[in-house]
Amino acid sequence: MAQPNPRDTRRRVSDYRARLRAQGLKPIQIWVPDVGSRAFLEQAHLQSIAVSRSPTEEEDQAFVDAVADWGDA
């Protein structure tokens, strides 16, 4: 399969973005944690231990359960 021409790709992307802007949309970039990284997993584990040892653990868990209940959505 032939490689796409970079100029054609840039033009298509530019046209696509222009159509979105014409619809009143604005591009943004969002950086989020890499939930698969070892550092994230280690930190999540440490934080879960801290929460489980908290004197308000039951209330904290009740809050999480309340906001996580999406019903039949």
PDB file of N, CA and C in Angstrom:
ATOM      1  N   MET A   1       0.844  -1.173   0.000  1.00  0.00           N
ATOM      2  CA  MET A   1       0.000   0.000   0.000  1.00  0.00           C
ATOM      3  C   MET A   1       0.894   1.242   0.000  1.00  0.00           C
ATOM      4  N   ALA A   2       0.579   2.194  -0.832  1.00  0.00           N
ATOM      5  CA  ALA A   2       1.385   3.403  -0.956  1.00  0.00           C
ATOM      6  C   ALA A   2       1.178   4.315   0.249  1.00  0.00           C
ATOM      7  N   GLN A   3       2.241   4.989   0.642  1.00  0.00           N
ATOM      8  CA  GLN A   3       2.168   5.941   1.743  1.00  0.00           C
ATOM      9  C   GLN A   3       1.446   7.204   1.281  1.00  0.00           C
ATOM     10  N   PRO A   4       0.589   7.776   2.146  1.00  0.00           N
ATOM     11  CA  PRO A   4      -0.098   9.010   1.756  1.00  0.00           C
ATOM     12  C   PRO A   4       0.899  10.162   1.638  1.00  0.00           C
ATOM     13  N   ASN A   5       0.594  11.063   0.741  1.00  0.00           N
ATOM     14  CA  ASN A   5       1.423  12.243   0.553  1.00  0.00           C
ATOM     15  C   ASN A   5       1.231  13.157   1.761  1.00  0.00           C
ATOM     16  N   PRO A   6       2.321  13.555   2.454  1.00  0.00           N
ATOM     17  CA  PRO A   6       2.178  14.414   3.634  1.00  0.00           C
ATOM     18  C   PRO A   6       1.430  15.718   3.348  1.00  0.00           C
ATOM     19  N   ARG A   7       1.591  16.263   2.144  1.00  0.00           N
ATOM     20  CA  ARG A   7       0.874  17.499   1.802  1.00  0.00           C
ATOM     21  C   ARG A   7      -0.622  17.260   1.732  1.00  0.00           C
ATOM     22  N   ASP A   8      -1.024  16.110   1.149  1.00  0.00           N
ATOM     23  CA  ASP A   8      -2.448  15.777   1.080  1.00  0.00           C
ATOM     24  C   ASP A   8      -3.022  15.585   2.489  1.00  0.00           C
ATOM     25  N   THR A   9      -2.266  14.925   3.339  1.00  0.00           N
ATOM     26  CA  THR A   9      -2.713  14.698   4.712  1.00  0.00           C
ATOM     27  C   THR A   9      -2.871  16.024   5.442  1.00  0.00           C
ATOM     28  N   ARG A  10      -1.886  16.903   5.326  1.00  0.00           N
ATOM     29  CA  ARG A  10      -1.976  18.215   5.976  1.00  0.00           C
ATOM     30  C   ARG A  10      -3.174  19.001   5.464  1.00  0.00           C
ATOM     31  N   ARG A  11      -3.431  18.916   4.153  1.00  0.00           N
ATOM     32  CA  ARG A  11      -4.567  19.642   3.585  1.00  0.00           C
ATOM     33  C   ARG A  11      -5.879  19.095   4.115  1.00  0.00           C
ATOM     34  N   ARG A  12      -6.003  17.765   4.164  1.00  0.00           N
ATOM     35  CA  ARG A  12      -7.231  17.145   4.687  1.00  0.00           C
ATOM     36  C   ARG A  12      -7.452  17.522   6.150  1.00  0.00           C
ATOM     37  N   VAL A  13      -6.397  17.485   6.942  1.00  0.00           N
ATOM     38  CA  VAL A  13      -6.515  17.848   8.356  1.00  0.00           C
ATOM     39  C   VAL A  13      -6.891  19.314   8.477  1.00  0.00           C
ATOM     40  N   SER A  14      -6.257  20.154   7.696  1.00  0.00           N
ATOM     41  CA  SER A  14      -6.568  21.590   7.724  1.00  0.00           C
ATOM     42  C   SER A  14      -8.021  21.847   7.329  1.00  0.00           C
ATOM     43  N   ASP A  15      -8.485  21.178   6.292  1.00  0.00           N
ATOM     44  CA  ASP A  15      -9.878  21.328   5.862  1.00  0.00           C
ATOM     45  C   ASP A  15     -10.843  20.844   6.944  1.00  0.00           C
ATOM     46  N   TYR A  16     -10.522  19.720   7.560  1.00  0.00           N
ATOM     47  CA  TYR A  16     -11.360  19.165   8.622  1.00  0.00           C
ATOM     48  C   TYR A  16     -11.456  20.141   9.791  1.00  0.00           C
ATOM     49  N   ARG A  17     -10.308  20.683  10.201  1.00  0.00           N
ATOM     50  CA  ARG A  17     -10.304  21.636  11.310  1.00  0.00           C
ATOM     51  C   ARG A  17     -11.072  22.911  10.953  1.00  0.00           C
ATOM     52  N   ALA A  18     -10.963  23.345   9.706  1.00  0.00           N
ATOM     53  CA  ALA A  18     -11.702  24.542   9.271  1.00  0.00           C
ATOM     54  C   ALA A  18     -13.213  24.289   9.348  1.00  0.00           C
ATOM     55  N   ARG A  19     -13.658  23.077   8.956  1.00  0.00           N
ATOM     56  CA  ARG A  19     -15.080  22.751   9.057  1.00  0.00           C
ATOM     57  C   ARG A  19     -15.554  22.760  10.507  1.00  0.00           C
ATOM     58  N   LEU A  20     -14.744  22.228  11.398  1.00  0.00           N
ATOM     59  CA  LEU A  20     -15.107  22.227  12.810  1.00  0.00           C
ATOM     60  C   LEU A  20     -15.169  23.652  13.363  1.00  0.00           C
ATOM     61  N   ARG A  21     -14.200  24.480  12.999  1.00  0.00           N
ATOM     62  CA  ARG A  21     -14.225  25.878  13.460  1.00  0.00           C
ATOM     63  C   ARG A  21     -15.455  26.597  12.921  1.00  0.00           C
ATOM     64  N   ALA A  22     -15.835  26.284  11.683  1.00  0.00           N
ATOM     65  CA  ALA A  22     -17.023  26.895  11.084  1.00  0.00           C
ATOM     66  C   ALA A  22     -18.290  26.499  11.850  1.00  0.00           C
ATOM     67  N   GLN A  23     -18.238  25.359  12.547  1.00  0.00           N
ATOM     68  CA  GLN A  23     -19.369  24.918  13.369  1.00  0.00           C
ATOM     69  C   GLN A  23     -19.318  25.531  14.772  1.00  0.00           C
ATOM     70  N   GLY A  24     -18.340  26.407  14.996  1.00  0.00           N
ATOM     71  CA  GLY A  24     -18.221  27.060  16.293  1.00  0.00           C
ATOM     72  C   GLY A  24     -17.406  26.290  17.312  1.00  0.00           C
ATOM     73  N   LEU A  25     -16.660  25.298  16.866  1.00  0.00           N
ATOM     74  CA  LEU A  25     -15.846  24.502  17.784  1.00  0.00           C
ATOM     75  C   LEU A  25     -14.423  25.039  17.842  1.00  0.00           C
ATOM     76  N   LYS A  26     -13.750  24.770  18.948  1.00  0.00           N
ATOM     77  CA  LYS A  26     -12.396  25.253  19.172  1.00  0.00           C
ATOM     78  C   LYS A  26     -11.523  24.072  19.595  1.00  0.00           C
ATOM     79  N   PRO A  27     -10.360  23.907  18.986  1.00  0.00           N
ATOM     80  CA  PRO A  27      -9.498  22.792  19.385  1.00  0.00           C
ATOM     81  C   PRO A  27      -8.824  23.086  20.723  1.00  0.00           C
ATOM     82  N   ILE A  28      -8.710  22.044  21.535  1.00  0.00           N
ATOM     83  CA  ILE A  28      -7.980  22.150  22.791  1.00  0.00           C
ATOM     84  C   ILE A  28      -7.105  20.918  22.941  1.00  0.00           C
ATOM     85  N   GLN A  29      -6.119  21.015  23.827  1.00  0.00           N
ATOM     86  CA  GLN A  29      -5.269  19.872  24.118  1.00  0.00           C
ATOM     87  C   GLN A  29      -5.357  19.603  25.603  1.00  0.00           C
ATOM     88  N   ILE A  30      -5.580  18.356  25.958  1.00  0.00           N
ATOM     89  CA  ILE A  30      -5.716  17.968  27.356  1.00  0.00           C
ATOM     90  C   ILE A  30      -4.688  16.889  27.665  1.00  0.00           C
ATOM     91  N   TRP A  31      -3.927  17.100  28.717  1.00  0.00           N
ATOM     92  CA  TRP A  31      -2.973  16.106  29.174  1.00  0.00           C
ATOM     93  C   TRP A  31      -3.570  15.406  30.387  1.00  0.00           C
ATOM     94  N   VAL A  32      -3.594  14.101  30.344  1.00  0.00           N
ATOM     95  CA  VAL A  32      -4.164  13.309  31.437  1.00  0.00           C
ATOM     96  C   VAL A  32      -3.117  12.310  31.937  1.00  0.00           C
ATOM     97  N   PRO A  33      -3.268  11.852  33.162  1.00  0.00           N
ATOM     98  CA  PRO A  33      -2.305  10.867  33.681  1.00  0.00           C
ATOM     99  C   PRO A  33      -2.314   9.591  32.840  1.00  0.00           C
ATOM    100  N   ASP A  34      -1.148   8.993  32.704  1.00  0.00           N
ATOM    101  CA  ASP A  34      -1.028   7.703  32.020  1.00  0.00           C
ATOM    102  C   ASP A  34      -1.345   6.627  33.050  1.00  0.00           C
ATOM    103  N   VAL A  35      -2.598   6.169  33.048  1.00  0.00           N
ATOM    104  CA  VAL A  35      -3.046   5.228  34.072  1.00  0.00           C
ATOM    105  C   VAL A  35      -2.382   3.860  33.960  1.00  0.00           C
ATOM    106  N   GLY A  36      -1.640   3.637  32.904  1.00  0.00           N
ATOM    107  CA  GLY A  36      -0.927   2.374  32.756  1.00  0.00           C
ATOM    108  C   GLY A  36       0.525   2.444  33.213  1.00  0.00           C
ATOM    109  N   SER A  37       0.975   3.646  33.585  1.00  0.00           N
ATOM    110  CA  SER A  37       2.385   3.782  33.979  1.00  0.00           C
ATOM    111  C   SER A  37       2.606   3.222  35.376  1.00  0.00           C
ATOM    112  N   ARG A  38       3.795   2.746  35.598  1.00  0.00           N
ATOM    113  CA  ARG A  38       4.153   2.179  36.902  1.00  0.00           C
ATOM    114  C   ARG A  38       4.040   3.250  37.998  1.00  0.00           C
ATOM    115  N   ALA A  39       4.493   4.468  37.716  1.00  0.00           N
ATOM    116  CA  ALA A  39       4.443   5.547  38.709  1.00  0.00           C
ATOM    117  C   ALA A  39       2.999   5.844  39.112  1.00  0.00           C
ATOM    118  N   PHE A  40       2.086   5.864  38.137  1.00  0.00           N
ATOM    119  CA  PHE A  40       0.680   6.111  38.454  1.00  0.00           C
ATOM    120  C   PHE A  40       0.127   4.993  39.323  1.00  0.00           C
ATOM    121  N   LEU A  41       0.398   3.761  38.945  1.00  0.00           N
ATOM    122  CA  LEU A  41      -0.118   2.616  39.696  1.00  0.00           C
ATOM    123  C   LEU A  41       0.407   2.612  41.132  1.00  0.00           C
ATOM    124  N   GLU A  42       1.692   2.927  41.297  1.00  0.00           N
ATOM    125  CA  GLU A  42       2.265   2.976  42.641  1.00  0.00           C
ATOM    126  C   GLU A  42       1.596   4.075  43.470  1.00  0.00           C
ATOM    127  N   GLN A  43       1.417   5.253  42.880  1.00  0.00           N
ATOM    128  CA  GLN A  43       0.804   6.366  43.601  1.00  0.00           C
ATOM    129  C   GLN A  43      -0.661   6.053  43.939  1.00  0.00           C
ATOM    130  N   ALA A  44      -1.385   5.457  43.015  1.00  0.00           N
ATOM    131  CA  ALA A  44      -2.776   5.090  43.274  1.00  0.00           C
ATOM    132  C   ALA A  44      -2.853   4.094  44.434  1.00  0.00           C
ATOM    133  N   HIS A  45      -1.924   3.154  44.454  1.00  0.00           N
ATOM    134  CA  HIS A  45      -1.897   2.171  45.540  1.00  0.00           C
ATOM    135  C   HIS A  45      -1.633   2.852  46.881  1.00  0.00           C
ATOM    136  N   LEU A  46      -0.643   3.735  46.917  1.00  0.00           N
ATOM    137  CA  LEU A  46      -0.326   4.447  48.161  1.00  0.00           C
ATOM    138  C   LEU A  46      -1.510   5.283  48.637  1.00  0.00           C
ATOM    139  N   GLN A  47      -2.179   5.940  47.710  1.00  0.00           N
ATOM    140  CA  GLN A  47      -3.322   6.766  48.090  1.00  0.00           C
ATOM    141  C   GLN A  47      -4.495   5.913  48.569  1.00  0.00           C
ATOM    142  N   SER A  48      -4.688   4.750  47.950  1.00  0.00           N
ATOM    143  CA  SER A  48      -5.787   3.889  48.401  1.00  0.00           C
ATOM    144  C   SER A  48      -5.524   3.357  49.804  1.00  0.00           C
ATOM    145  N   ILE A  49      -4.266   3.083  50.119  1.00  0.00           N
ATOM    146  CA  ILE A  49      -3.918   2.656  51.483  1.00  0.00           C
ATOM    147  C   ILE A  49      -4.192   3.789  52.464  1.00  0.00           C
ATOM    148  N   ALA A  50      -3.786   5.008  52.095  1.00  0.00           N
ATOM    149  CA  ALA A  50      -4.005   6.156  52.976  1.00  0.00           C
ATOM    150  C   ALA A  50      -5.497   6.365  53.243  1.00  0.00           C
ATOM    151  N   VAL A  51      -6.304   6.253  52.203  1.00  0.00           N
ATOM    152  CA  VAL A  51      -7.753   6.435  52.376  1.00  0.00           C
ATOM    153  C   VAL A  51      -8.331   5.328  53.257  1.00  0.00           C
ATOM    154  N   SER A  52      -7.888   4.105  53.045  1.00  0.00           N
ATOM    155  CA  SER A  52      -8.444   2.994  53.829  1.00  0.00           C
ATOM    156  C   SER A  52      -8.087   3.092  55.304  1.00  0.00           C
ATOM    157  N   ARG A  53      -7.002   3.790  55.610  1.00  0.00           N
ATOM    158  CA  ARG A  53      -6.580   3.946  57.005  1.00  0.00           C
ATOM    159  C   ARG A  53      -7.108   5.236  57.634  1.00  0.00           C
ATOM    160  N   SER A  54      -7.839   6.011  56.869  1.00  0.00           N
ATOM    161  CA  SER A  54      -8.359   7.281  57.356  1.00  0.00           C
ATOM    162  C   SER A  54      -9.449   7.054  58.396  1.00  0.00           C
ATOM    163  N   PRO A  55      -9.507   7.907  59.418  1.00  0.00           N
ATOM    164  CA  PRO A  55     -10.586   7.773  60.406  1.00  0.00           C
ATOM    165  C   PRO A  55     -11.965   8.058  59.811  1.00  0.00           C
ATOM    166  N   THR A  56     -12.004   8.701  58.646  1.00  0.00           N
ATOM    167  CA  THR A  56     -13.293   8.990  57.993  1.00  0.00           C
ATOM    168  C   THR A  56     -13.518   8.080  56.788  1.00  0.00           C
ATOM    169  N   GLU A  57     -12.875   6.931  56.797  1.00  0.00           N
ATOM    170  CA  GLU A  57     -12.951   6.011  55.649  1.00  0.00           C
ATOM    171  C   GLU A  57     -14.382   5.637  55.290  1.00  0.00           C
ATOM    172  N   GLU A  58     -15.219   5.355  56.281  1.00  0.00           N
ATOM    173  CA  GLU A  58     -16.596   4.943  55.993  1.00  0.00           C
ATOM    174  C   GLU A  58     -17.380   6.060  55.320  1.00  0.00           C
ATOM    175  N   GLU A  59     -17.228   7.274  55.815  1.00  0.00           N
ATOM    176  CA  GLU A  59     -17.917   8.417  55.208  1.00  0.00           C
ATOM    177  C   GLU A  59     -17.378   8.692  53.805  1.00  0.00           C
ATOM    178  N   ASP A  60     -16.061   8.571  53.666  1.00  0.00           N
ATOM    179  CA  ASP A  60     -15.453   8.788  52.348  1.00  0.00           C
ATOM    180  C   ASP A  60     -15.980   7.778  51.335  1.00  0.00           C
ATOM    181  N   GLN A  61     -16.051   6.505  51.741  1.00  0.00           N
ATOM    182  CA  GLN A  61     -16.539   5.468  50.834  1.00  0.00           C
ATOM    183  C   GLN A  61     -18.010   5.668  50.516  1.00  0.00           C
ATOM    184  N   ALA A  62     -18.783   6.105  51.496  1.00  0.00           N
ATOM    185  CA  ALA A  62     -20.205   6.374  51.259  1.00  0.00           C
ATOM    186  C   ALA A  62     -20.370   7.478  50.220  1.00  0.00           C
ATOM    187  N   PHE A  63     -19.520   8.495  50.301  1.00  0.00           N
ATOM    188  CA  PHE A  63     -19.569   9.576  49.314  1.00  0.00           C
ATOM    189  C   PHE A  63     -19.241   9.044  47.919  1.00  0.00           C
ATOM    190  N   VAL A  64     -18.170   8.262  47.824  1.00  0.00           N
ATOM    191  CA  VAL A  64     -17.780   7.703  46.518  1.00  0.00           C
ATOM    192  C   VAL A  64     -18.905   6.833  45.964  1.00  0.00           C
ATOM    193  N   ASP A  65     -19.489   6.013  46.801  1.00  0.00           N
ATOM    194  CA  ASP A  65     -20.600   5.163  46.350  1.00  0.00           C
ATOM    195  C   ASP A  65     -21.781   5.997  45.882  1.00  0.00           C
ATOM    196  N   ALA A  66     -22.054   7.088  46.585  1.00  0.00           N
ATOM    197  CA  ALA A  66     -23.210   7.940  46.221  1.00  0.00           C
ATOM    198  C   ALA A  66     -22.995   8.609  44.870  1.00  0.00           C
ATOM    199  N   VAL A  67     -21.812   9.128  44.631  1.00  0.00           N
ATOM    200  CA  VAL A  67     -21.592   9.832  43.354  1.00  0.00           C
ATOM    201  C   VAL A  67     -21.335   8.864  42.211  1.00  0.00           C
ATOM    202  N   ALA A  68     -20.999   7.614  42.525  1.00  0.00           N
ATOM    203  CA  ALA A  68     -20.738   6.643  41.476  1.00  0.00           C
ATOM    204  C   ALA A  68     -21.992   5.898  41.044  1.00  0.00           C
ATOM    205  N   ASP A  69     -23.077   6.042  41.745  1.00  0.00           N
ATOM    206  CA  ASP A  69     -24.320   5.352  41.408  1.00  0.00           C
ATOM    207  C   ASP A  69     -25.018   6.094  40.273  1.00  0.00           C
ATOM    208  N   TRP A  70     -24.924   5.563  39.077  1.00  0.00           N
ATOM    209  CA  TRP A  70     -25.488   6.200  37.895  1.00  0.00           C
ATOM    210  C   TRP A  70     -26.852   5.599  37.540  1.00  0.00           C
ATOM    211  N   GLY A  71     -27.362   4.750  38.407  1.00  0.00           N
ATOM    212  CA  GLY A  71     -28.648   4.147  38.143  1.00  0.00           C
ATOM    213  C   GLY A  71     -28.617   3.267  36.913  1.00  0.00           C
ATOM    214  N   ASP A  72     -29.632   3.413  36.057  1.00  0.00           N
ATOM    215  CA  ASP A  72     -29.731   2.598  34.853  1.00  0.00           C
ATOM    216  C   ASP A  72     -29.152   3.278  33.623  1.00  0.00           C
ATOM    217  N   ALA A  73     -28.366   4.317  33.826  1.00  0.00           N
ATOM    218  CA  ALA A  73     -27.825   5.082  32.694  1.00  0.00           C
ATOM    219  C   ALA A  73     -26.961   4.243  31.798  1.00  0.00           C
TER     220      ALA A  73
END
